[in-house]
Amino acid sequence: MNQDALFLRDEGDAWYRRNREHLPPPDVAGEQEDVAFLSDALSPFRDRIVRVLEIGCSSGIKLEALCDRLAARGDGIEPSRMAVDEGNARIKSVDIRLQVGTGERLPFEAATFDLIHFGFCLYLFGRESLMQSLAEADRVLRPGGFLAITDFDPGLRQKRRYTHREGVFSAKQDYSDIYTSSGLYYLMAKHSFSHRRPFFDEDPGERVSTSILFKEVDGYPVVS
């Protein structure tokens, strides 16, 4: 069983049980480093951001805050059914919907979203399906849209054993590089902070960043 399937089967719920009490309350979610940075950096483009997708949305607390700040509709994908059920029961807006799933198969039409956010989840994606998941996000993001990634950002790629489950690994790297190296995405903005505090960390293993990429309408324009 690959790592994504394992999280879909039961490890997603296990993760949510362990971390539920550490999630921000809904009334302060907008002040979290990633949400505040995204909403501020993208505020000049609010009129172009109508639909938002968060992959790895947990119970949708940050998705709800981001959509509120951008006045957008939101969809969330999350492997934990417990998180999805709790989030859908809490969220009152009909413009936000969470569903169970993983990044490797997104149940949406091509070019559906104006903003996609990988919400601190890529480090746990199975390496065997990572590229498919990244391609799926590209498929459902419209040209001229924005792709955001919040994840560990150690500078050098790292692979570590996942302490909660035998045979599972976490992989820390700058995932935005995979998109920008194609020439089809441009790094618009980046905010570095830490897994344990709201500013840059000298310990590479604790470094986190939120990157915002712009999906070029034409990544290879004709030049004379």
N, C-alpha and C. Protein backbone atom coordinates (compact mmCIF):
# COMPACT_ATOMS: atom_id res chain seq x y z
N MET A 1 0.85 -1.20 0.00
CA MET A 1 0.00 0.00 0.00
C MET A 1 0.88 1.24 0.00
N ASN A 2 0.62 2.18 -0.95
CA ASN A 2 1.45 3.37 -0.98
C ASN A 2 1.07 4.32 0.17
N GLN A 3 1.90 5.33 0.37
CA GLN A 3 1.75 6.19 1.53
C GLN A 3 0.45 6.99 1.48
N ASP A 4 0.07 7.47 0.30
CA ASP A 4 -1.18 8.22 0.20
C ASP A 4 -2.38 7.35 0.57
N ALA A 5 -2.39 6.11 0.11
CA ALA A 5 -3.48 5.19 0.42
C ALA A 5 -3.53 4.88 1.92
N LEU A 6 -2.37 4.82 2.55
CA LEU A 6 -2.31 4.57 3.98
C LEU A 6 -2.95 5.71 4.77
N PHE A 7 -2.68 6.93 4.36
CA PHE A 7 -3.30 8.08 5.04
C PHE A 7 -4.80 8.11 4.77
N LEU A 8 -5.20 7.71 3.59
CA LEU A 8 -6.62 7.68 3.26
C LEU A 8 -7.34 6.60 4.06
N ARG A 9 -6.66 5.49 4.32
CA ARG A 9 -7.28 4.38 5.04
C ARG A 9 -7.45 4.67 6.52
N ASP A 10 -6.37 5.07 7.21
CA ASP A 10 -6.52 5.31 8.65
C ASP A 10 -5.52 6.27 9.25
N GLU A 11 -4.36 6.50 8.61
CA GLU A 11 -3.36 7.37 9.22
C GLU A 11 -3.78 8.83 9.20
N GLY A 12 -4.61 9.22 8.21
CA GLY A 12 -5.14 10.58 8.20
C GLY A 12 -5.96 10.87 9.44
N ASP A 13 -6.83 9.93 9.81
CA ASP A 13 -7.62 10.10 11.04
C ASP A 13 -6.72 10.09 12.27
N ALA A 14 -5.69 9.23 12.26
CA ALA A 14 -4.76 9.17 13.40
C ALA A 14 -4.03 10.50 13.54
N TRP A 15 -3.58 11.07 12.40
CA TRP A 15 -2.90 12.37 12.44
C TRP A 15 -3.84 13.43 13.02
N TYR A 16 -5.08 13.41 12.58
CA TYR A 16 -6.03 14.42 13.03
C TYR A 16 -6.29 14.29 14.52
N ARG A 17 -6.40 13.09 15.03
CA ARG A 17 -6.61 12.91 16.47
C ARG A 17 -5.43 13.48 17.27
N ARG A 18 -4.22 13.23 16.77
CA ARG A 18 -3.03 13.72 17.49
C ARG A 18 -2.90 15.23 17.45
N ASN A 19 -3.35 15.85 16.38
CA ASN A 19 -3.07 17.27 16.17
C ASN A 19 -4.28 18.20 16.29
N ARG A 20 -5.45 17.65 16.49
CA ARG A 20 -6.67 18.46 16.51
C ARG A 20 -6.58 19.59 17.53
N GLU A 21 -6.06 19.31 18.72
CA GLU A 21 -6.02 20.34 19.76
C GLU A 21 -5.01 21.45 19.46
N HIS A 22 -4.10 21.19 18.50
CA HIS A 22 -3.10 22.20 18.16
C HIS A 22 -3.52 23.08 16.99
N LEU A 23 -4.64 22.77 16.35
CA LEU A 23 -5.13 23.59 15.25
C LEU A 23 -5.64 24.93 15.79
N PRO A 24 -5.49 26.01 15.02
CA PRO A 24 -5.93 27.32 15.52
C PRO A 24 -7.45 27.39 15.61
N PRO A 25 -7.98 28.09 16.62
CA PRO A 25 -9.43 28.31 16.66
C PRO A 25 -9.86 29.09 15.43
N PRO A 26 -11.07 28.85 14.96
CA PRO A 26 -11.53 29.53 13.73
C PRO A 26 -11.43 31.05 13.80
N ASP A 27 -11.62 31.64 14.99
CA ASP A 27 -11.65 33.11 15.07
C ASP A 27 -10.27 33.74 14.97
N VAL A 28 -9.19 32.94 15.04
CA VAL A 28 -7.84 33.50 14.90
C VAL A 28 -7.08 32.86 13.75
N ALA A 29 -7.76 32.01 12.97
CA ALA A 29 -7.07 31.32 11.87
C ALA A 29 -6.52 32.30 10.84
N GLY A 30 -7.19 33.42 10.65
CA GLY A 30 -6.73 34.41 9.70
C GLY A 30 -5.43 35.07 10.09
N GLU A 31 -5.02 34.93 11.36
CA GLU A 31 -3.77 35.52 11.83
C GLU A 31 -2.59 34.56 11.71
N GLN A 32 -2.83 33.33 11.28
CA GLN A 32 -1.75 32.37 11.11
C GLN A 32 -0.81 32.84 10.00
N GLU A 33 0.48 32.47 10.12
CA GLU A 33 1.49 32.98 9.20
C GLU A 33 1.13 32.76 7.73
N ASP A 34 0.71 31.56 7.39
CA ASP A 34 0.44 31.27 5.98
C ASP A 34 -0.81 31.99 5.48
N VAL A 35 -1.88 31.97 6.27
CA VAL A 35 -3.13 32.60 5.85
C VAL A 35 -2.96 34.12 5.72
N ALA A 36 -2.32 34.73 6.70
CA ALA A 36 -2.11 36.18 6.67
C ALA A 36 -1.25 36.58 5.48
N PHE A 37 -0.18 35.82 5.24
CA PHE A 37 0.71 36.13 4.12
C PHE A 37 -0.02 35.98 2.79
N LEU A 38 -0.74 34.87 2.61
CA LEU A 38 -1.46 34.64 1.37
C LEU A 38 -2.51 35.72 1.11
N SER A 39 -3.29 36.03 2.10
CA SER A 39 -4.36 37.01 1.89
C SER A 39 -3.81 38.40 1.63
N ASP A 40 -2.71 38.77 2.29
CA ASP A 40 -2.11 40.09 2.06
C ASP A 40 -1.46 40.16 0.68
N ALA A 41 -0.66 39.13 0.33
CA ALA A 41 0.06 39.15 -0.95
C ALA A 41 -0.88 39.08 -2.14
N LEU A 42 -2.02 38.41 -1.96
CA LEU A 42 -2.95 38.23 -3.07
C LEU A 42 -4.09 39.25 -3.07
N SER A 43 -4.08 40.16 -2.12
CA SER A 43 -5.17 41.14 -2.04
C SER A 43 -5.32 41.99 -3.31
N PRO A 44 -4.22 42.32 -4.04
CA PRO A 44 -4.42 43.09 -5.27
C PRO A 44 -5.15 42.31 -6.36
N PHE A 45 -5.26 40.99 -6.19
CA PHE A 45 -5.87 40.14 -7.21
C PHE A 45 -7.20 39.53 -6.75
N ARG A 46 -7.78 40.12 -5.72
CA ARG A 46 -9.00 39.55 -5.14
C ARG A 46 -10.12 39.40 -6.17
N ASP A 47 -10.22 40.35 -7.08
CA ASP A 47 -11.30 40.28 -8.05
C ASP A 47 -11.12 39.15 -9.05
N ARG A 48 -9.91 38.56 -9.10
CA ARG A 48 -9.62 37.45 -10.01
C ARG A 48 -9.64 36.10 -9.30
N ILE A 49 -9.79 36.11 -7.97
CA ILE A 49 -9.77 34.86 -7.21
C ILE A 49 -11.20 34.57 -6.72
N VAL A 50 -11.85 33.71 -7.48
CA VAL A 50 -13.26 33.38 -7.18
C VAL A 50 -13.37 32.01 -6.52
N ARG A 51 -12.52 31.07 -6.95
CA ARG A 51 -12.56 29.72 -6.40
C ARG A 51 -11.19 29.32 -5.87
N VAL A 52 -11.18 28.78 -4.66
CA VAL A 52 -9.96 28.38 -3.97
C VAL A 52 -10.05 26.89 -3.64
N LEU A 53 -8.95 26.18 -3.84
CA LEU A 53 -8.85 24.78 -3.43
C LEU A 53 -7.68 24.64 -2.46
N GLU A 54 -7.94 24.02 -1.31
CA GLU A 54 -6.85 23.67 -0.40
C GLU A 54 -6.71 22.15 -0.37
N ILE A 55 -5.52 21.68 -0.70
CA ILE A 55 -5.20 20.26 -0.64
C ILE A 55 -4.49 20.01 0.68
N GLY A 56 -5.04 19.08 1.48
CA GLY A 56 -4.56 18.89 2.84
C GLY A 56 -5.19 19.92 3.76
N CYS A 57 -6.51 20.03 3.70
CA CYS A 57 -7.23 21.12 4.37
C CYS A 57 -7.57 20.83 5.82
N SER A 58 -7.33 19.59 6.30
CA SER A 58 -7.74 19.20 7.65
C SER A 58 -9.25 19.47 7.79
N SER A 59 -9.66 20.18 8.84
CA SER A 59 -11.09 20.44 9.04
C SER A 59 -11.53 21.75 8.42
N GLY A 60 -10.67 22.34 7.57
CA GLY A 60 -11.07 23.51 6.81
C GLY A 60 -10.97 24.83 7.53
N ILE A 61 -10.31 24.87 8.69
CA ILE A 61 -10.24 26.10 9.48
C ILE A 61 -9.51 27.20 8.71
N LYS A 62 -8.34 26.87 8.16
CA LYS A 62 -7.58 27.88 7.42
C LYS A 62 -8.21 28.19 6.07
N LEU A 63 -8.78 27.19 5.42
CA LEU A 63 -9.48 27.43 4.15
C LEU A 63 -10.62 28.41 4.34
N GLU A 64 -11.36 28.23 5.40
CA GLU A 64 -12.49 29.12 5.69
C GLU A 64 -12.01 30.55 5.90
N ALA A 65 -10.90 30.70 6.65
CA ALA A 65 -10.37 32.04 6.92
C ALA A 65 -9.84 32.68 5.64
N LEU A 66 -9.16 31.91 4.80
CA LEU A 66 -8.61 32.45 3.56
C LEU A 66 -9.74 32.87 2.61
N CYS A 67 -10.76 32.04 2.50
CA CYS A 67 -11.89 32.38 1.63
C CYS A 67 -12.62 33.61 2.14
N ASP A 68 -12.72 33.75 3.45
CA ASP A 68 -13.37 34.92 4.02
C ASP A 68 -12.58 36.18 3.67
N ARG A 69 -11.26 36.11 3.76
CA ARG A 69 -10.42 37.28 3.47
C ARG A 69 -10.41 37.64 1.99
N LEU A 70 -10.53 36.64 1.14
CA LEU A 70 -10.50 36.88 -0.29
C LEU A 70 -11.88 36.95 -0.93
N ALA A 71 -12.91 36.76 -0.11
CA ALA A 71 -14.30 36.75 -0.60
C ALA A 71 -14.46 35.74 -1.72
N ALA A 72 -14.00 34.51 -1.49
CA ALA A 72 -13.99 33.47 -2.51
C ALA A 72 -14.74 32.24 -2.03
N ARG A 73 -15.11 31.38 -2.99
CA ARG A 73 -15.66 30.07 -2.69
C ARG A 73 -14.51 29.10 -2.47
N GLY A 74 -14.73 28.09 -1.63
CA GLY A 74 -13.64 27.17 -1.31
C GLY A 74 -14.01 25.71 -1.36
N ASP A 75 -13.06 24.91 -1.84
CA ASP A 75 -13.15 23.46 -1.78
C ASP A 75 -11.92 22.93 -1.05
N GLY A 76 -12.11 21.87 -0.29
CA GLY A 76 -11.00 21.27 0.42
C GLY A 76 -10.92 19.78 0.18
N ILE A 77 -9.70 19.27 0.06
CA ILE A 77 -9.43 17.84 -0.08
C ILE A 77 -8.58 17.40 1.09
N GLU A 78 -8.97 16.32 1.74
CA GLU A 78 -8.31 15.88 2.97
C GLU A 78 -8.51 14.37 3.14
N PRO A 79 -7.44 13.61 3.46
CA PRO A 79 -7.60 12.17 3.61
C PRO A 79 -8.35 11.73 4.87
N SER A 80 -8.41 12.58 5.89
CA SER A 80 -9.08 12.21 7.14
C SER A 80 -10.58 12.45 7.06
N ARG A 81 -11.35 11.37 7.09
CA ARG A 81 -12.81 11.52 7.07
C ARG A 81 -13.29 12.20 8.36
N MET A 82 -12.63 11.94 9.47
CA MET A 82 -13.00 12.58 10.73
C MET A 82 -12.88 14.10 10.62
N ALA A 83 -11.76 14.56 10.04
CA ALA A 83 -11.56 16.00 9.88
C ALA A 83 -12.59 16.60 8.94
N VAL A 84 -12.86 15.92 7.84
CA VAL A 84 -13.83 16.41 6.86
C VAL A 84 -15.23 16.48 7.47
N ASP A 85 -15.63 15.45 8.19
CA ASP A 85 -16.96 15.45 8.80
C ASP A 85 -17.10 16.56 9.82
N GLU A 86 -16.08 16.76 10.65
CA GLU A 86 -16.13 17.81 11.67
C GLU A 86 -16.15 19.19 11.01
N GLY A 87 -15.34 19.34 9.95
CA GLY A 87 -15.31 20.63 9.27
C GLY A 87 -16.61 20.97 8.59
N ASN A 88 -17.19 20.01 7.88
CA ASN A 88 -18.46 20.27 7.20
C ASN A 88 -19.59 20.54 8.19
N ALA A 89 -19.51 19.93 9.37
CA ALA A 89 -20.53 20.18 10.40
C ALA A 89 -20.37 21.58 11.01
N ARG A 90 -19.12 22.05 11.08
CA ARG A 90 -18.86 23.37 11.68
C ARG A 90 -19.12 24.52 10.72
N ILE A 91 -18.69 24.34 9.48
CA ILE A 91 -18.77 25.43 8.50
C ILE A 91 -20.22 25.67 8.08
N LYS A 92 -20.67 26.88 8.21
CA LYS A 92 -22.06 27.23 7.90
C LYS A 92 -22.23 27.73 6.47
N SER A 93 -21.14 28.20 5.86
CA SER A 93 -21.24 28.77 4.52
C SER A 93 -21.46 27.67 3.48
N VAL A 94 -22.40 27.91 2.58
CA VAL A 94 -22.63 26.96 1.49
C VAL A 94 -21.56 27.08 0.42
N ASP A 95 -20.72 28.11 0.53
CA ASP A 95 -19.67 28.34 -0.47
C ASP A 95 -18.38 27.60 -0.14
N ILE A 96 -18.36 26.81 0.91
CA ILE A 96 -17.17 26.03 1.27
C ILE A 96 -17.57 24.58 1.46
N ARG A 97 -16.86 23.69 0.78
CA ARG A 97 -17.19 22.27 0.86
C ARG A 97 -15.90 21.47 0.99
N LEU A 98 -15.87 20.55 1.93
CA LEU A 98 -14.74 19.66 2.13
C LEU A 98 -15.12 18.26 1.69
N GLN A 99 -14.16 17.52 1.13
CA GLN A 99 -14.41 16.13 0.79
C GLN A 99 -13.15 15.30 0.99
N VAL A 100 -13.37 14.01 1.20
CA VAL A 100 -12.28 13.08 1.46
C VAL A 100 -11.56 12.75 0.15
N GLY A 101 -10.24 12.78 0.20
CA GLY A 101 -9.47 12.43 -0.99
C GLY A 101 -8.01 12.76 -0.80
N THR A 102 -7.22 12.48 -1.82
CA THR A 102 -5.79 12.80 -1.82
C THR A 102 -5.46 13.56 -3.10
N GLY A 103 -4.26 14.10 -3.15
CA GLY A 103 -3.88 14.96 -4.26
C GLY A 103 -3.70 14.25 -5.58
N GLU A 104 -3.51 12.94 -5.56
CA GLU A 104 -3.20 12.26 -6.82
C GLU A 104 -4.39 12.11 -7.75
N ARG A 105 -5.61 12.27 -7.23
CA ARG A 105 -6.81 12.24 -8.06
C ARG A 105 -7.79 13.30 -7.55
N LEU A 106 -7.82 14.43 -8.21
CA LEU A 106 -8.68 15.53 -7.79
C LEU A 106 -9.98 15.48 -8.59
N PRO A 107 -11.13 15.47 -7.91
CA PRO A 107 -12.42 15.31 -8.58
C PRO A 107 -12.98 16.61 -9.15
N PHE A 108 -12.17 17.29 -9.96
CA PHE A 108 -12.57 18.58 -10.51
C PHE A 108 -12.19 18.64 -11.99
N GLU A 109 -12.91 19.47 -12.73
CA GLU A 109 -12.60 19.70 -14.12
C GLU A 109 -11.32 20.53 -14.27
N ALA A 110 -10.71 20.46 -15.44
CA ALA A 110 -9.51 21.24 -15.71
C ALA A 110 -9.80 22.73 -15.60
N ALA A 111 -8.79 23.48 -15.14
CA ALA A 111 -8.86 24.95 -15.07
C ALA A 111 -10.04 25.44 -14.25
N THR A 112 -10.34 24.76 -13.15
CA THR A 112 -11.48 25.12 -12.30
C THR A 112 -11.14 26.22 -11.31
N PHE A 113 -9.90 26.25 -10.79
CA PHE A 113 -9.58 27.10 -9.65
C PHE A 113 -8.67 28.27 -10.02
N ASP A 114 -8.83 29.33 -9.24
CA ASP A 114 -8.01 30.53 -9.39
C ASP A 114 -6.83 30.53 -8.41
N LEU A 115 -6.98 29.80 -7.32
CA LEU A 115 -5.93 29.67 -6.31
C LEU A 115 -5.98 28.26 -5.74
N ILE A 116 -4.82 27.61 -5.71
CA ILE A 116 -4.69 26.31 -5.06
C ILE A 116 -3.61 26.41 -4.01
N HIS A 117 -3.88 25.86 -2.83
CA HIS A 117 -2.93 25.89 -1.72
C HIS A 117 -2.67 24.47 -1.24
N PHE A 118 -1.41 24.03 -1.33
CA PHE A 118 -0.99 22.81 -0.66
C PHE A 118 -0.73 23.19 0.79
N GLY A 119 -1.65 22.81 1.68
CA GLY A 119 -1.62 23.28 3.05
C GLY A 119 -0.81 22.40 3.99
N PHE A 120 0.50 22.52 3.90
CA PHE A 120 1.42 21.79 4.80
C PHE A 120 1.17 20.29 4.74
N CYS A 121 1.24 19.73 3.56
CA CYS A 121 0.93 18.31 3.40
C CYS A 121 1.89 17.58 2.48
N LEU A 122 2.60 18.29 1.59
CA LEU A 122 3.42 17.62 0.59
C LEU A 122 4.53 16.78 1.22
N TYR A 123 5.00 17.14 2.39
CA TYR A 123 6.08 16.39 3.03
C TYR A 123 5.65 14.96 3.38
N LEU A 124 4.35 14.73 3.43
CA LEU A 124 3.83 13.38 3.73
C LEU A 124 3.28 12.66 2.51
N PHE A 125 3.33 13.28 1.35
CA PHE A 125 2.87 12.60 0.13
C PHE A 125 3.83 11.48 -0.23
N GLY A 126 3.29 10.37 -0.69
CA GLY A 126 4.13 9.28 -1.13
C GLY A 126 4.98 9.69 -2.32
N ARG A 127 6.24 9.32 -2.32
CA ARG A 127 7.12 9.71 -3.42
C ARG A 127 6.69 9.08 -4.74
N GLU A 128 6.05 7.92 -4.67
CA GLU A 128 5.65 7.24 -5.89
C GLU A 128 4.49 7.96 -6.60
N SER A 129 3.78 8.82 -5.88
CA SER A 129 2.65 9.53 -6.48
C SER A 129 2.82 11.04 -6.43
N LEU A 130 3.99 11.51 -5.98
CA LEU A 130 4.19 12.95 -5.82
C LEU A 130 3.99 13.70 -7.13
N MET A 131 4.65 13.26 -8.19
CA MET A 131 4.57 13.98 -9.45
C MET A 131 3.15 13.99 -10.02
N GLN A 132 2.41 12.90 -9.80
CA GLN A 132 1.02 12.87 -10.25
C GLN A 132 0.19 13.90 -9.48
N SER A 133 0.45 14.02 -8.19
CA SER A 133 -0.29 14.99 -7.38
C SER A 133 0.03 16.42 -7.81
N LEU A 134 1.31 16.70 -8.09
CA LEU A 134 1.69 18.04 -8.54
C LEU A 134 1.06 18.34 -9.91
N ALA A 135 1.02 17.32 -10.77
CA ALA A 135 0.41 17.49 -12.09
C ALA A 135 -1.09 17.71 -11.98
N GLU A 136 -1.74 17.03 -11.05
CA GLU A 136 -3.18 17.20 -10.85
C GLU A 136 -3.51 18.63 -10.43
N ALA A 137 -2.69 19.19 -9.54
CA ALA A 137 -2.91 20.59 -9.14
C ALA A 137 -2.75 21.51 -10.33
N ASP A 138 -1.75 21.26 -11.16
CA ASP A 138 -1.55 22.06 -12.37
C ASP A 138 -2.75 21.92 -13.30
N ARG A 139 -3.31 20.73 -13.40
CA ARG A 139 -4.44 20.49 -14.31
C ARG A 139 -5.66 21.31 -13.91
N VAL A 140 -5.96 21.39 -12.62
CA VAL A 140 -7.20 22.04 -12.19
C VAL A 140 -7.03 23.53 -11.91
N LEU A 141 -5.78 24.05 -12.03
CA LEU A 141 -5.53 25.48 -11.86
C LEU A 141 -5.57 26.16 -13.23
N ARG A 142 -6.30 27.23 -13.33
CA ARG A 142 -6.41 27.92 -14.62
C ARG A 142 -5.11 28.67 -14.94
N PRO A 143 -4.78 28.83 -16.21
CA PRO A 143 -3.66 29.70 -16.58
C PRO A 143 -3.93 31.12 -16.07
N GLY A 144 -2.92 31.74 -15.50
CA GLY A 144 -3.11 33.04 -14.87
C GLY A 144 -3.56 32.95 -13.42
N GLY A 145 -3.63 31.73 -12.90
CA GLY A 145 -3.99 31.52 -11.50
C GLY A 145 -2.77 31.45 -10.61
N PHE A 146 -3.00 31.21 -9.32
CA PHE A 146 -1.93 31.19 -8.33
C PHE A 146 -1.87 29.84 -7.62
N LEU A 147 -0.66 29.36 -7.42
CA LEU A 147 -0.42 28.10 -6.70
C LEU A 147 0.42 28.42 -5.47
N ALA A 148 -0.09 28.10 -4.30
CA ALA A 148 0.63 28.37 -3.06
C ALA A 148 1.03 27.06 -2.39
N ILE A 149 2.21 27.05 -1.80
CA ILE A 149 2.73 25.87 -1.12
C ILE A 149 3.23 26.28 0.25
N THR A 150 2.64 25.72 1.29
CA THR A 150 3.18 25.86 2.66
C THR A 150 3.74 24.51 3.06
N ASP A 151 5.02 24.48 3.40
CA ASP A 151 5.63 23.21 3.78
C ASP A 151 7.00 23.48 4.41
N PHE A 152 7.61 22.40 4.90
CA PHE A 152 8.99 22.50 5.37
C PHE A 152 9.88 22.96 4.23
N ASP A 153 10.90 23.75 4.56
CA ASP A 153 11.79 24.31 3.55
C ASP A 153 13.22 24.32 4.09
N PRO A 154 13.86 23.14 4.16
CA PRO A 154 15.15 23.03 4.85
C PRO A 154 16.35 23.53 4.06
N GLY A 155 16.19 23.80 2.78
CA GLY A 155 17.33 24.20 1.96
C GLY A 155 17.93 23.03 1.21
N LEU A 156 18.14 21.93 1.89
CA LEU A 156 18.60 20.69 1.28
C LEU A 156 17.54 19.62 1.52
N ARG A 157 17.33 18.76 0.55
CA ARG A 157 16.31 17.73 0.69
C ARG A 157 16.63 16.79 1.84
N GLN A 158 15.61 16.45 2.61
CA GLN A 158 15.75 15.57 3.76
C GLN A 158 14.64 14.52 3.74
N LYS A 159 14.98 13.32 4.16
CA LYS A 159 14.00 12.26 4.32
C LYS A 159 14.13 11.71 5.74
N ARG A 160 13.02 11.66 6.44
CA ARG A 160 13.05 11.21 7.83
C ARG A 160 11.98 10.15 8.08
N ARG A 161 12.28 9.26 9.00
CA ARG A 161 11.28 8.27 9.39
C ARG A 161 10.15 8.95 10.15
N TYR A 162 8.95 8.57 9.82
CA TYR A 162 7.75 9.10 10.46
C TYR A 162 7.58 8.37 11.79
N THR A 163 7.64 9.10 12.88
CA THR A 163 7.69 8.46 14.19
C THR A 163 6.41 7.74 14.58
N HIS A 164 5.31 8.04 13.90
CA HIS A 164 4.01 7.50 14.32
C HIS A 164 3.60 6.24 13.57
N ARG A 165 4.38 5.87 12.52
CA ARG A 165 3.96 4.71 11.72
C ARG A 165 5.16 4.09 11.04
N GLU A 166 5.37 2.81 11.26
CA GLU A 166 6.49 2.09 10.65
C GLU A 166 6.32 2.08 9.12
N GLY A 167 7.42 2.34 8.43
CA GLY A 167 7.42 2.30 6.98
C GLY A 167 6.97 3.57 6.30
N VAL A 168 6.63 4.59 7.07
CA VAL A 168 6.21 5.88 6.52
C VAL A 168 7.35 6.88 6.70
N PHE A 169 7.53 7.75 5.71
CA PHE A 169 8.60 8.74 5.76
C PHE A 169 8.03 10.13 5.49
N SER A 170 8.71 11.13 6.02
CA SER A 170 8.42 12.51 5.64
C SER A 170 9.59 13.01 4.80
N ALA A 171 9.30 13.80 3.79
CA ALA A 171 10.32 14.30 2.87
C ALA A 171 10.24 15.82 2.82
N LYS A 172 11.31 16.46 3.26
CA LYS A 172 11.33 17.92 3.33
C LYS A 172 12.18 18.48 2.19
N GLN A 173 11.59 19.40 1.43
CA GLN A 173 12.31 20.04 0.33
C GLN A 173 11.54 21.27 -0.12
N ASP A 174 12.12 22.06 -1.01
CA ASP A 174 11.44 23.20 -1.58
C ASP A 174 10.65 22.71 -2.79
N TYR A 175 9.36 22.46 -2.59
CA TYR A 175 8.54 21.90 -3.66
C TYR A 175 8.24 22.91 -4.76
N SER A 176 8.37 24.18 -4.47
CA SER A 176 8.11 25.18 -5.50
C SER A 176 9.10 25.07 -6.65
N ASP A 177 10.31 24.58 -6.36
CA ASP A 177 11.33 24.43 -7.40
C ASP A 177 10.86 23.53 -8.55
N ILE A 178 10.07 22.53 -8.23
CA ILE A 178 9.62 21.58 -9.25
C ILE A 178 8.76 22.31 -10.28
N TYR A 179 7.95 23.25 -9.81
CA TYR A 179 7.10 24.01 -10.72
C TYR A 179 7.89 25.09 -11.47
N THR A 180 8.70 25.86 -10.75
CA THR A 180 9.38 26.99 -11.39
C THR A 180 10.43 26.52 -12.40
N SER A 181 11.05 25.36 -12.17
CA SER A 181 12.07 24.88 -13.10
C SER A 181 11.48 24.52 -14.46
N SER A 182 10.16 24.35 -14.52
CA SER A 182 9.50 24.04 -15.79
C SER A 182 9.41 25.26 -16.70
N GLY A 183 9.55 26.45 -16.13
CA GLY A 183 9.35 27.67 -16.88
C GLY A 183 7.90 28.07 -17.02
N LEU A 184 7.00 27.26 -16.48
CA LEU A 184 5.57 27.52 -16.60
C LEU A 184 5.00 28.24 -15.38
N TYR A 185 5.81 28.36 -14.33
CA TYR A 185 5.40 29.05 -13.11
C TYR A 185 6.48 30.04 -12.70
N TYR A 186 6.03 31.13 -12.10
CA TYR A 186 6.95 32.19 -11.65
C TYR A 186 6.76 32.39 -10.15
N LEU A 187 7.86 32.43 -9.42
CA LEU A 187 7.79 32.66 -7.97
C LEU A 187 7.45 34.13 -7.72
N MET A 188 6.23 34.35 -7.30
CA MET A 188 5.75 35.72 -7.09
C MET A 188 6.15 36.26 -5.72
N ALA A 189 6.09 35.42 -4.70
CA ALA A 189 6.40 35.87 -3.34
C ALA A 189 6.69 34.66 -2.46
N LYS A 190 7.50 34.89 -1.43
CA LYS A 190 7.83 33.81 -0.50
C LYS A 190 8.02 34.38 0.89
N HIS A 191 7.48 33.67 1.87
CA HIS A 191 7.60 34.08 3.27
C HIS A 191 8.20 32.92 4.06
N SER A 192 9.32 33.15 4.69
CA SER A 192 9.99 32.12 5.49
C SER A 192 9.70 32.32 6.96
N PHE A 193 9.36 31.22 7.65
CA PHE A 193 9.14 31.27 9.09
C PHE A 193 9.56 29.94 9.66
N SER A 194 8.90 29.43 10.66
CA SER A 194 9.37 28.24 11.35
C SER A 194 8.20 27.38 11.78
N HIS A 195 8.50 26.11 11.94
CA HIS A 195 7.49 25.17 12.45
C HIS A 195 7.17 25.46 13.91
N ARG A 196 8.05 26.18 14.59
CA ARG A 196 7.86 26.40 16.02
C ARG A 196 7.76 27.86 16.44
N ARG A 197 8.01 28.82 15.49
CA ARG A 197 7.90 30.23 15.84
C ARG A 197 7.69 31.04 14.56
N PRO A 198 7.14 32.26 14.68
CA PRO A 198 6.71 32.99 13.48
C PRO A 198 7.81 33.80 12.79
N PHE A 199 9.02 33.26 12.72
CA PHE A 199 10.10 33.92 11.99
C PHE A 199 11.13 32.88 11.61
N PHE A 200 12.12 33.30 10.82
CA PHE A 200 13.13 32.39 10.29
C PHE A 200 13.83 31.61 11.40
N ASP A 201 14.13 30.34 11.10
CA ASP A 201 14.76 29.45 12.08
C ASP A 201 16.14 29.05 11.59
N GLU A 202 17.12 29.10 12.48
CA GLU A 202 18.48 28.69 12.11
C GLU A 202 18.60 27.18 11.92
N ASP A 203 17.68 26.43 12.50
CA ASP A 203 17.67 24.98 12.36
C ASP A 203 16.98 24.62 11.04
N PRO A 204 17.73 24.05 10.06
CA PRO A 204 17.12 23.75 8.76
C PRO A 204 15.91 22.83 8.86
N GLY A 205 15.91 21.92 9.82
CA GLY A 205 14.82 20.97 9.96
C GLY A 205 13.52 21.60 10.43
N GLU A 206 13.59 22.81 10.98
CA GLU A 206 12.40 23.49 11.48
C GLU A 206 11.90 24.58 10.53
N ARG A 207 12.65 24.86 9.48
CA ARG A 207 12.26 25.93 8.57
C ARG A 207 11.01 25.58 7.77
N VAL A 208 10.14 26.57 7.65
CA VAL A 208 8.90 26.44 6.89
C VAL A 208 8.79 27.66 5.99
N SER A 209 8.14 27.52 4.86
CA SER A 209 7.88 28.68 4.03
C SER A 209 6.52 28.54 3.36
N THR A 210 5.97 29.68 2.99
CA THR A 210 4.82 29.73 2.10
C THR A 210 5.26 30.43 0.84
N SER A 211 5.16 29.73 -0.28
CA SER A 211 5.52 30.29 -1.58
C SER A 211 4.26 30.49 -2.41
N ILE A 212 4.23 31.56 -3.18
CA ILE A 212 3.12 31.83 -4.09
C ILE A 212 3.68 31.85 -5.50
N LEU A 213 3.16 30.98 -6.34
CA LEU A 213 3.60 30.88 -7.72
C LEU A 213 2.48 31.36 -8.65
N PHE A 214 2.89 32.04 -9.71
CA PHE A 214 1.94 32.47 -10.73
C PHE A 214 2.05 31.52 -11.91
N LYS A 215 0.91 30.98 -12.34
CA LYS A 215 0.91 30.09 -13.50
C LYS A 215 0.84 30.93 -14.77
N GLU A 216 1.93 30.93 -15.51
CA GLU A 216 2.02 31.75 -16.70
C GLU A 216 0.92 31.38 -17.70
N VAL A 217 0.34 32.41 -18.32
CA VAL A 217 -0.64 32.17 -19.37
C VAL A 217 0.06 31.56 -20.58
N ASP A 218 1.28 32.01 -20.85
CA ASP A 218 2.11 31.44 -21.90
C ASP A 218 3.55 31.41 -21.38
N GLY A 219 4.00 30.22 -20.96
CA GLY A 219 5.33 30.11 -20.39
C GLY A 219 6.45 30.25 -21.40
N TYR A 220 6.10 30.19 -22.69
CA TYR A 220 7.12 30.29 -23.74
C TYR A 220 6.66 31.28 -24.81
N PRO A 221 6.62 32.57 -24.46
CA PRO A 221 6.17 33.55 -25.45
C PRO A 221 7.17 33.66 -26.60
N VAL A 222 6.64 33.98 -27.79
CA VAL A 222 7.50 34.15 -28.95
C VAL A 222 8.21 35.49 -28.85
N VAL A 223 9.53 35.47 -28.97
CA VAL A 223 10.32 36.70 -28.95
C VAL A 223 11.09 36.83 -30.25
N SER A 224 11.31 38.05 -30.65
CA SER A 224 12.02 38.27 -31.92
C SER A 224 13.53 38.32 -31.68
